[in-house]
Amino acid sequence: MKRIHKQYLSHLANQYLQLKKDFEQAQEKIISGFNLDINKIGLVSYGITTTAEPEMQIYADKLNSNDTLNQLSARMKRTKINAYMLFLSELWVYKVEVPGYNIDKMFDNLDESYAEIEALIQGIAGYEHLHSIDGKMTKEIPGREYIREYPWIIKLVDYWTKKMKLFAD
């Protein structure tokens, strides 16, 4: 694993974790201003577009339209995309193919491919995605299984997921 890659990923992970902390504190401050019953607080969160209880919708809308939360969310996403670019570049340079993923297409529009890129990185980290096909649940073979002959890419992704605290130990 290249030392510069590791340093860069460490920097991005630290940046992301700080942004996430800032985001959570800002969201908590806004929600506390709503003066909600303790049982209702968990029903609203940034990113929820339709609440389970209609009377909570106004609070979700306020969170989703908050400039500070939107800016922090965008910066968090951009930080993750910067890390994902490193992984994608390694896959692209070595012409690594992972079934179901088109690396070239991902480069064309990173924002549009964000969810797919994230799923690929999670798969390389060993996460098994579940899919419903014709009403039946199936497990996707993790991307990691397809790139065993590129251990440095796996190590980079593992380093990133550990620094980001993405998976429970």
N, C-alpha and C. Protein backbone atom coordinates (compact mmCIF):
# COMPACT_ATOMS: atom_id res chain seq x y z
N MET A 1 0.86 -1.17 0.00
CA MET A 1 0.00 0.00 0.00
C MET A 1 0.91 1.23 0.00
N LYS A 2 0.64 2.12 -0.92
CA LYS A 2 1.45 3.32 -1.02
C LYS A 2 1.22 4.22 0.18
N ARG A 3 2.34 4.68 0.74
CA ARG A 3 2.28 5.52 1.94
C ARG A 3 1.48 6.79 1.69
N ILE A 4 1.65 7.40 0.52
CA ILE A 4 0.95 8.64 0.21
C ILE A 4 -0.56 8.39 0.17
N HIS A 5 -0.98 7.26 -0.35
CA HIS A 5 -2.40 6.92 -0.36
C HIS A 5 -2.94 6.81 1.06
N LYS A 6 -2.18 6.16 1.89
CA LYS A 6 -2.59 5.96 3.28
C LYS A 6 -2.70 7.32 4.00
N GLN A 7 -1.74 8.18 3.80
CA GLN A 7 -1.77 9.51 4.42
C GLN A 7 -2.97 10.31 3.92
N TYR A 8 -3.20 10.23 2.62
CA TYR A 8 -4.32 10.97 2.03
C TYR A 8 -5.65 10.45 2.58
N LEU A 9 -5.80 9.14 2.65
CA LEU A 9 -7.03 8.56 3.18
C LEU A 9 -7.21 8.90 4.66
N SER A 10 -6.13 8.92 5.40
CA SER A 10 -6.20 9.30 6.81
C SER A 10 -6.67 10.75 6.94
N HIS A 11 -6.13 11.62 6.12
CA HIS A 11 -6.54 13.03 6.12
C HIS A 11 -8.04 13.15 5.79
N LEU A 12 -8.47 12.45 4.75
CA LEU A 12 -9.88 12.53 4.35
C LEU A 12 -10.79 11.95 5.43
N ALA A 13 -10.39 10.85 6.05
CA ALA A 13 -11.20 10.25 7.10
C ALA A 13 -11.34 11.20 8.29
N ASN A 14 -10.24 11.81 8.68
CA ASN A 14 -10.28 12.76 9.80
C ASN A 14 -11.16 13.96 9.44
N GLN A 15 -11.03 14.43 8.22
CA GLN A 15 -11.85 15.55 7.76
C GLN A 15 -13.33 15.17 7.79
N TYR A 16 -13.64 13.99 7.27
CA TYR A 16 -15.03 13.52 7.24
C TYR A 16 -15.60 13.38 8.65
N LEU A 17 -14.84 12.77 9.54
CA LEU A 17 -15.33 12.55 10.90
C LEU A 17 -15.58 13.87 11.63
N GLN A 18 -14.75 14.87 11.37
CA GLN A 18 -14.98 16.18 11.96
C GLN A 18 -16.23 16.83 11.38
N LEU A 19 -16.40 16.73 10.06
CA LEU A 19 -17.60 17.28 9.42
C LEU A 19 -18.85 16.58 9.96
N LYS A 20 -18.76 15.26 10.13
CA LYS A 20 -19.90 14.49 10.65
C LYS A 20 -20.25 14.94 12.06
N LYS A 21 -19.23 15.15 12.87
CA LYS A 21 -19.45 15.63 14.24
C LYS A 21 -20.11 17.01 14.22
N ASP A 22 -19.60 17.90 13.37
CA ASP A 22 -20.19 19.24 13.23
C ASP A 22 -21.64 19.15 12.76
N PHE A 23 -21.89 18.25 11.82
CA PHE A 23 -23.24 18.05 11.29
C PHE A 23 -24.18 17.58 12.40
N GLU A 24 -23.76 16.57 13.14
CA GLU A 24 -24.61 16.02 14.20
C GLU A 24 -24.90 17.06 15.28
N GLN A 25 -23.90 17.86 15.63
CA GLN A 25 -24.11 18.90 16.63
C GLN A 25 -25.08 19.97 16.12
N ALA A 26 -24.93 20.36 14.84
CA ALA A 26 -25.81 21.37 14.27
C ALA A 26 -27.24 20.84 14.20
N GLN A 27 -27.39 19.58 13.79
CA GLN A 27 -28.72 18.99 13.70
C GLN A 27 -29.36 18.89 15.09
N GLU A 28 -28.59 18.47 16.07
CA GLU A 28 -29.10 18.35 17.43
C GLU A 28 -29.56 19.71 17.97
N LYS A 29 -28.79 20.74 17.68
CA LYS A 29 -29.14 22.09 18.13
C LYS A 29 -30.46 22.55 17.50
N ILE A 30 -30.61 22.28 16.22
CA ILE A 30 -31.85 22.67 15.52
C ILE A 30 -33.04 21.91 16.09
N ILE A 31 -32.88 20.60 16.24
CA ILE A 31 -33.97 19.76 16.75
C ILE A 31 -34.36 20.17 18.17
N SER A 32 -33.36 20.51 18.99
CA SER A 32 -33.69 20.92 20.36
C SER A 32 -34.52 22.21 20.36
N GLY A 33 -34.37 23.03 19.34
CA GLY A 33 -35.16 24.25 19.22
C GLY A 33 -36.61 23.99 18.83
N PHE A 34 -36.90 22.78 18.38
CA PHE A 34 -38.28 22.43 18.01
C PHE A 34 -39.14 22.19 19.25
N ASN A 35 -38.53 21.99 20.39
CA ASN A 35 -39.26 21.70 21.64
C ASN A 35 -40.20 20.51 21.49
N LEU A 36 -39.69 19.45 20.91
CA LEU A 36 -40.48 18.24 20.72
C LEU A 36 -40.48 17.38 21.97
N ASP A 37 -41.55 16.61 22.13
CA ASP A 37 -41.62 15.61 23.18
C ASP A 37 -40.47 14.63 22.95
N ILE A 38 -39.87 14.13 24.01
CA ILE A 38 -38.74 13.21 23.94
C ILE A 38 -39.03 12.02 23.04
N ASN A 39 -40.27 11.56 23.00
CA ASN A 39 -40.66 10.41 22.17
C ASN A 39 -40.76 10.76 20.69
N LYS A 40 -40.80 12.03 20.37
CA LYS A 40 -40.94 12.46 18.98
C LYS A 40 -39.60 12.83 18.34
N ILE A 41 -38.60 13.09 19.17
CA ILE A 41 -37.31 13.55 18.64
C ILE A 41 -36.72 12.58 17.63
N GLY A 42 -36.80 11.30 17.89
CA GLY A 42 -36.24 10.30 16.99
C GLY A 42 -36.98 10.15 15.67
N LEU A 43 -38.12 10.82 15.54
CA LEU A 43 -38.91 10.70 14.31
C LEU A 43 -38.49 11.70 13.23
N VAL A 44 -37.61 12.64 13.60
CA VAL A 44 -37.14 13.61 12.60
C VAL A 44 -35.62 13.56 12.50
N SER A 45 -35.16 13.64 11.29
CA SER A 45 -33.73 13.63 11.02
C SER A 45 -33.50 14.18 9.62
N TYR A 46 -32.36 14.78 9.43
CA TYR A 46 -31.99 15.28 8.11
C TYR A 46 -32.01 14.13 7.11
N GLY A 47 -32.55 14.37 5.95
CA GLY A 47 -32.59 13.35 4.91
C GLY A 47 -33.90 12.60 4.82
N ILE A 48 -34.71 12.66 5.86
CA ILE A 48 -36.02 12.02 5.81
C ILE A 48 -36.93 12.93 4.99
N THR A 49 -37.43 12.42 3.89
CA THR A 49 -38.28 13.24 3.03
C THR A 49 -39.76 13.10 3.36
N THR A 50 -40.14 11.95 3.88
CA THR A 50 -41.54 11.73 4.26
C THR A 50 -41.54 11.07 5.64
N THR A 51 -42.13 11.74 6.59
CA THR A 51 -42.13 11.21 7.96
C THR A 51 -43.25 10.20 8.16
N ALA A 52 -43.05 9.32 9.14
CA ALA A 52 -44.06 8.32 9.46
C ALA A 52 -45.31 8.96 10.04
N GLU A 53 -45.11 10.07 10.75
CA GLU A 53 -46.25 10.79 11.33
C GLU A 53 -46.35 12.15 10.64
N PRO A 54 -47.45 12.40 9.95
CA PRO A 54 -47.60 13.63 9.16
C PRO A 54 -47.31 14.93 9.91
N GLU A 55 -47.63 14.98 11.20
CA GLU A 55 -47.40 16.23 11.95
C GLU A 55 -45.91 16.51 12.14
N MET A 56 -45.07 15.53 11.88
CA MET A 56 -43.62 15.70 12.02
C MET A 56 -42.97 16.22 10.72
N GLN A 57 -43.74 16.25 9.64
CA GLN A 57 -43.20 16.63 8.34
C GLN A 57 -42.60 18.03 8.34
N ILE A 58 -43.25 18.96 9.02
CA ILE A 58 -42.75 20.34 9.06
C ILE A 58 -41.34 20.40 9.63
N TYR A 59 -41.04 19.56 10.61
CA TYR A 59 -39.71 19.55 11.23
C TYR A 59 -38.67 18.93 10.29
N ALA A 60 -39.07 17.86 9.62
CA ALA A 60 -38.16 17.25 8.65
C ALA A 60 -37.85 18.23 7.53
N ASP A 61 -38.87 18.94 7.07
CA ASP A 61 -38.67 19.94 6.00
C ASP A 61 -37.73 21.05 6.45
N LYS A 62 -37.85 21.48 7.71
CA LYS A 62 -36.96 22.53 8.23
C LYS A 62 -35.52 22.03 8.26
N LEU A 63 -35.32 20.80 8.68
CA LEU A 63 -33.96 20.25 8.70
C LEU A 63 -33.39 20.13 7.28
N ASN A 64 -34.20 19.61 6.37
CA ASN A 64 -33.73 19.38 5.00
C ASN A 64 -33.47 20.67 4.24
N SER A 65 -34.05 21.77 4.67
CA SER A 65 -33.85 23.04 3.97
C SER A 65 -32.84 23.94 4.71
N ASN A 66 -32.26 23.45 5.77
CA ASN A 66 -31.32 24.25 6.55
C ASN A 66 -30.00 24.39 5.79
N ASP A 67 -29.56 25.61 5.57
CA ASP A 67 -28.34 25.87 4.80
C ASP A 67 -27.10 25.24 5.43
N THR A 68 -26.96 25.35 6.73
CA THR A 68 -25.79 24.79 7.40
C THR A 68 -25.73 23.28 7.22
N LEU A 69 -26.87 22.60 7.44
CA LEU A 69 -26.89 21.15 7.29
C LEU A 69 -26.64 20.75 5.84
N ASN A 70 -27.21 21.49 4.89
CA ASN A 70 -26.99 21.18 3.49
C ASN A 70 -25.52 21.35 3.10
N GLN A 71 -24.89 22.41 3.59
CA GLN A 71 -23.48 22.63 3.28
C GLN A 71 -22.59 21.55 3.89
N LEU A 72 -22.84 21.21 5.15
CA LEU A 72 -22.06 20.17 5.80
C LEU A 72 -22.26 18.82 5.12
N SER A 73 -23.50 18.52 4.75
CA SER A 73 -23.79 17.27 4.06
C SER A 73 -23.06 17.20 2.72
N ALA A 74 -23.06 18.29 1.98
CA ALA A 74 -22.37 18.34 0.68
C ALA A 74 -20.86 18.17 0.86
N ARG A 75 -20.30 18.77 1.89
CA ARG A 75 -18.86 18.64 2.15
C ARG A 75 -18.51 17.21 2.57
N MET A 76 -19.39 16.58 3.34
CA MET A 76 -19.16 15.19 3.73
C MET A 76 -19.16 14.29 2.50
N LYS A 77 -20.12 14.50 1.63
CA LYS A 77 -20.22 13.70 0.41
C LYS A 77 -19.00 13.92 -0.47
N ARG A 78 -18.57 15.17 -0.63
CA ARG A 78 -17.41 15.49 -1.46
C ARG A 78 -16.15 14.84 -0.88
N THR A 79 -16.02 14.82 0.42
CA THR A 79 -14.86 14.19 1.06
C THR A 79 -14.83 12.70 0.75
N LYS A 80 -15.99 12.05 0.83
CA LYS A 80 -16.05 10.63 0.51
C LYS A 80 -15.76 10.40 -0.97
N ILE A 81 -16.26 11.26 -1.84
CA ILE A 81 -15.99 11.11 -3.27
C ILE A 81 -14.49 11.21 -3.54
N ASN A 82 -13.80 12.09 -2.84
CA ASN A 82 -12.35 12.21 -3.02
C ASN A 82 -11.65 10.89 -2.71
N ALA A 83 -12.08 10.22 -1.64
CA ALA A 83 -11.50 8.92 -1.31
C ALA A 83 -11.90 7.89 -2.37
N TYR A 84 -13.15 7.91 -2.76
CA TYR A 84 -13.62 6.94 -3.76
C TYR A 84 -12.86 7.10 -5.08
N MET A 85 -12.48 8.33 -5.42
CA MET A 85 -11.71 8.57 -6.64
C MET A 85 -10.38 7.82 -6.59
N LEU A 86 -9.77 7.79 -5.43
CA LEU A 86 -8.51 7.06 -5.28
C LEU A 86 -8.73 5.57 -5.57
N PHE A 87 -9.77 5.00 -4.99
CA PHE A 87 -10.06 3.58 -5.20
C PHE A 87 -10.41 3.31 -6.67
N LEU A 88 -11.26 4.15 -7.23
CA LEU A 88 -11.65 3.97 -8.64
C LEU A 88 -10.45 4.08 -9.56
N SER A 89 -9.56 5.01 -9.26
CA SER A 89 -8.36 5.19 -10.08
C SER A 89 -7.50 3.93 -10.07
N GLU A 90 -7.35 3.34 -8.90
CA GLU A 90 -6.58 2.10 -8.81
C GLU A 90 -7.26 0.99 -9.63
N LEU A 91 -8.56 0.88 -9.52
CA LEU A 91 -9.29 -0.13 -10.29
C LEU A 91 -9.14 0.12 -11.79
N TRP A 92 -9.23 1.37 -12.18
CA TRP A 92 -9.17 1.74 -13.59
C TRP A 92 -7.77 1.52 -14.16
N VAL A 93 -6.74 1.97 -13.45
CA VAL A 93 -5.35 1.84 -13.93
C VAL A 93 -4.99 0.37 -14.16
N TYR A 94 -5.42 -0.49 -13.27
CA TYR A 94 -5.09 -1.91 -13.38
C TYR A 94 -6.16 -2.71 -14.13
N LYS A 95 -7.11 -1.99 -14.72
CA LYS A 95 -8.17 -2.61 -15.53
C LYS A 95 -8.89 -3.74 -14.79
N VAL A 96 -9.17 -3.47 -13.51
CA VAL A 96 -9.87 -4.44 -12.67
C VAL A 96 -11.35 -4.38 -13.01
N GLU A 97 -11.94 -5.53 -13.22
CA GLU A 97 -13.37 -5.59 -13.51
C GLU A 97 -14.10 -6.27 -12.35
N VAL A 98 -15.16 -5.61 -11.93
CA VAL A 98 -16.03 -6.17 -10.89
C VAL A 98 -17.40 -6.32 -11.55
N PRO A 99 -17.89 -7.54 -11.69
CA PRO A 99 -19.18 -7.75 -12.36
C PRO A 99 -20.29 -6.86 -11.80
N GLY A 100 -21.04 -6.24 -12.70
CA GLY A 100 -22.15 -5.39 -12.30
C GLY A 100 -21.77 -3.93 -12.13
N TYR A 101 -20.49 -3.60 -12.24
CA TYR A 101 -20.03 -2.23 -12.06
C TYR A 101 -19.22 -1.78 -13.27
N ASN A 102 -19.54 -0.61 -13.77
CA ASN A 102 -18.83 -0.03 -14.91
C ASN A 102 -17.99 1.14 -14.41
N ILE A 103 -16.71 0.89 -14.20
CA ILE A 103 -15.81 1.89 -13.63
C ILE A 103 -15.73 3.12 -14.53
N ASP A 104 -15.61 2.91 -15.85
CA ASP A 104 -15.53 4.05 -16.78
C ASP A 104 -16.74 4.96 -16.65
N LYS A 105 -17.92 4.37 -16.56
CA LYS A 105 -19.16 5.15 -16.46
C LYS A 105 -19.20 5.94 -15.14
N MET A 106 -18.66 5.35 -14.09
CA MET A 106 -18.65 6.02 -12.80
C MET A 106 -17.86 7.32 -12.86
N PHE A 107 -16.76 7.32 -13.62
CA PHE A 107 -15.95 8.52 -13.77
C PHE A 107 -16.68 9.63 -14.52
N ASP A 108 -17.59 9.24 -15.40
CA ASP A 108 -18.32 10.23 -16.21
C ASP A 108 -19.15 11.17 -15.37
N ASN A 109 -19.78 10.66 -14.33
CA ASN A 109 -20.60 11.51 -13.48
C ASN A 109 -20.58 10.95 -12.06
N LEU A 110 -19.64 11.46 -11.29
CA LEU A 110 -19.45 10.94 -9.92
C LEU A 110 -20.68 11.15 -9.05
N ASP A 111 -21.30 12.31 -9.16
CA ASP A 111 -22.47 12.58 -8.32
C ASP A 111 -23.63 11.64 -8.66
N GLU A 112 -23.82 11.42 -9.94
CA GLU A 112 -24.92 10.54 -10.38
C GLU A 112 -24.64 9.08 -10.01
N SER A 113 -23.37 8.71 -9.97
CA SER A 113 -22.97 7.33 -9.68
C SER A 113 -22.62 7.11 -8.21
N TYR A 114 -22.86 8.11 -7.38
CA TYR A 114 -22.42 8.07 -5.99
C TYR A 114 -22.89 6.80 -5.26
N ALA A 115 -24.16 6.49 -5.32
CA ALA A 115 -24.69 5.32 -4.59
C ALA A 115 -24.05 4.03 -5.12
N GLU A 116 -23.87 3.94 -6.42
CA GLU A 116 -23.26 2.76 -7.01
C GLU A 116 -21.79 2.64 -6.60
N ILE A 117 -21.08 3.77 -6.59
CA ILE A 117 -19.68 3.77 -6.17
C ILE A 117 -19.57 3.34 -4.71
N GLU A 118 -20.45 3.89 -3.88
CA GLU A 118 -20.44 3.54 -2.47
C GLU A 118 -20.72 2.05 -2.28
N ALA A 119 -21.65 1.51 -3.04
CA ALA A 119 -21.95 0.07 -2.95
C ALA A 119 -20.73 -0.76 -3.37
N LEU A 120 -20.03 -0.32 -4.41
CA LEU A 120 -18.83 -1.02 -4.85
C LEU A 120 -17.77 -1.02 -3.76
N ILE A 121 -17.52 0.13 -3.16
CA ILE A 121 -16.51 0.24 -2.12
C ILE A 121 -16.90 -0.62 -0.91
N GLN A 122 -18.17 -0.59 -0.55
CA GLN A 122 -18.64 -1.44 0.55
C GLN A 122 -18.42 -2.91 0.23
N GLY A 123 -18.67 -3.29 -1.03
CA GLY A 123 -18.46 -4.67 -1.46
C GLY A 123 -16.99 -5.07 -1.39
N ILE A 124 -16.11 -4.14 -1.77
CA ILE A 124 -14.67 -4.42 -1.68
C ILE A 124 -14.26 -4.57 -0.22
N ALA A 125 -14.96 -3.85 0.65
CA ALA A 125 -14.70 -3.97 2.10
C ALA A 125 -15.26 -5.29 2.65
N GLY A 126 -16.03 -6.01 1.86
CA GLY A 126 -16.55 -7.31 2.28
C GLY A 126 -18.03 -7.32 2.61
N TYR A 127 -18.67 -6.18 2.50
CA TYR A 127 -20.10 -6.09 2.81
C TYR A 127 -20.91 -6.85 1.77
N GLU A 128 -21.87 -7.64 2.21
CA GLU A 128 -22.74 -8.40 1.30
C GLU A 128 -24.08 -7.68 1.19
N HIS A 129 -24.31 -7.07 0.03
CA HIS A 129 -25.57 -6.36 -0.20
C HIS A 129 -26.69 -7.36 -0.46
N LEU A 130 -27.86 -7.03 0.02
CA LEU A 130 -29.05 -7.85 -0.24
C LEU A 130 -29.86 -7.20 -1.35
N HIS A 131 -30.40 -8.02 -2.21
CA HIS A 131 -31.25 -7.53 -3.30
C HIS A 131 -32.51 -8.37 -3.34
N SER A 132 -33.59 -7.73 -3.73
CA SER A 132 -34.84 -8.45 -3.94
C SER A 132 -35.05 -8.60 -5.45
N ILE A 133 -35.02 -9.84 -5.91
CA ILE A 133 -35.21 -10.12 -7.33
C ILE A 133 -36.40 -11.06 -7.45
N ASP A 134 -37.41 -10.59 -8.15
CA ASP A 134 -38.65 -11.36 -8.30
C ASP A 134 -39.21 -11.81 -6.95
N GLY A 135 -39.14 -10.92 -5.98
CA GLY A 135 -39.69 -11.19 -4.67
C GLY A 135 -38.85 -12.10 -3.79
N LYS A 136 -37.65 -12.45 -4.25
CA LYS A 136 -36.77 -13.32 -3.48
C LYS A 136 -35.53 -12.54 -3.08
N MET A 137 -35.11 -12.72 -1.83
CA MET A 137 -33.92 -12.04 -1.33
C MET A 137 -32.68 -12.82 -1.77
N THR A 138 -31.72 -12.09 -2.33
CA THR A 138 -30.45 -12.70 -2.72
C THR A 138 -29.31 -11.85 -2.18
N LYS A 139 -28.17 -12.49 -1.96
CA LYS A 139 -26.97 -11.79 -1.51
C LYS A 139 -26.08 -11.56 -2.72
N GLU A 140 -25.57 -10.35 -2.81
CA GLU A 140 -24.60 -10.04 -3.85
C GLU A 140 -23.23 -10.53 -3.37
N ILE A 141 -22.49 -11.16 -4.26
CA ILE A 141 -21.13 -11.57 -3.91
C ILE A 141 -20.31 -10.29 -3.72
N PRO A 142 -19.65 -10.13 -2.58
CA PRO A 142 -18.89 -8.89 -2.34
C PRO A 142 -17.83 -8.66 -3.41
N GLY A 143 -17.65 -7.40 -3.79
CA GLY A 143 -16.66 -7.03 -4.79
C GLY A 143 -15.26 -7.52 -4.43
N ARG A 144 -15.00 -7.68 -3.16
CA ARG A 144 -13.72 -8.16 -2.66
C ARG A 144 -13.35 -9.51 -3.28
N GLU A 145 -14.34 -10.34 -3.49
CA GLU A 145 -14.10 -11.68 -4.04
C GLU A 145 -13.55 -11.63 -5.47
N TYR A 146 -13.85 -10.55 -6.19
CA TYR A 146 -13.43 -10.44 -7.58
C TYR A 146 -12.06 -9.79 -7.75
N ILE A 147 -11.52 -9.24 -6.67
CA ILE A 147 -10.25 -8.52 -6.82
C ILE A 147 -9.16 -9.07 -5.89
N ARG A 148 -9.25 -10.31 -5.55
CA ARG A 148 -8.26 -10.93 -4.64
C ARG A 148 -6.82 -10.78 -5.15
N GLU A 149 -6.63 -10.72 -6.48
CA GLU A 149 -5.27 -10.60 -7.02
C GLU A 149 -4.74 -9.17 -6.98
N TYR A 150 -5.49 -8.27 -6.36
CA TYR A 150 -5.08 -6.88 -6.17
C TYR A 150 -5.16 -6.54 -4.68
N PRO A 151 -4.34 -7.19 -3.87
CA PRO A 151 -4.46 -7.04 -2.42
C PRO A 151 -4.24 -5.61 -1.92
N TRP A 152 -3.46 -4.82 -2.62
CA TRP A 152 -3.22 -3.44 -2.16
C TRP A 152 -4.48 -2.60 -2.26
N ILE A 153 -5.35 -2.91 -3.21
CA ILE A 153 -6.63 -2.18 -3.30
C ILE A 153 -7.52 -2.57 -2.12
N ILE A 154 -7.56 -3.85 -1.82
CA ILE A 154 -8.34 -4.32 -0.67
C ILE A 154 -7.80 -3.68 0.61
N LYS A 155 -6.47 -3.62 0.75
CA LYS A 155 -5.87 -3.01 1.94
C LYS A 155 -6.22 -1.53 2.04
N LEU A 156 -6.23 -0.83 0.91
CA LEU A 156 -6.61 0.59 0.92
C LEU A 156 -8.04 0.77 1.40
N VAL A 157 -8.94 -0.04 0.85
CA VAL A 157 -10.35 0.05 1.22
C VAL A 157 -10.54 -0.34 2.69
N ASP A 158 -9.86 -1.39 3.12
CA ASP A 158 -9.95 -1.80 4.53
C ASP A 158 -9.43 -0.70 5.45
N TYR A 159 -8.35 -0.06 5.07
CA TYR A 159 -7.80 1.03 5.86
C TYR A 159 -8.82 2.16 5.97
N TRP A 160 -9.43 2.51 4.85
CA TRP A 160 -10.44 3.58 4.80
C TRP A 160 -11.63 3.24 5.69
N THR A 161 -12.17 2.04 5.55
CA THR A 161 -13.37 1.69 6.32
C THR A 161 -13.06 1.64 7.82
N LYS A 162 -11.84 1.25 8.17
CA LYS A 162 -11.46 1.22 9.58
C LYS A 162 -11.34 2.66 10.11
N LYS A 163 -10.66 3.53 9.37
CA LYS A 163 -10.50 4.92 9.79
C LYS A 163 -11.84 5.63 9.88
N MET A 164 -12.76 5.26 9.01
CA MET A 164 -14.08 5.89 8.97
C MET A 164 -15.05 5.28 9.98
N LYS A 165 -14.65 4.16 10.59
CA LYS A 165 -15.50 3.46 11.55
C LYS A 165 -16.84 3.09 10.92
N LEU A 166 -16.77 2.56 9.69
CA LEU A 166 -17.99 2.25 8.94
C LEU A 166 -18.68 0.99 9.39
N PHE A 167 -17.92 0.03 9.88
CA PHE A 167 -18.52 -1.24 10.28
C PHE A 167 -18.24 -1.48 11.76
N ALA A 168 -19.18 -2.10 12.43
CA ALA A 168 -19.00 -2.48 13.84
C ALA A 168 -17.92 -3.55 13.92
N ASP A 169 -17.17 -3.52 15.00
CA ASP A 169 -16.12 -4.54 15.18
C ASP A 169 -16.70 -5.88 15.53
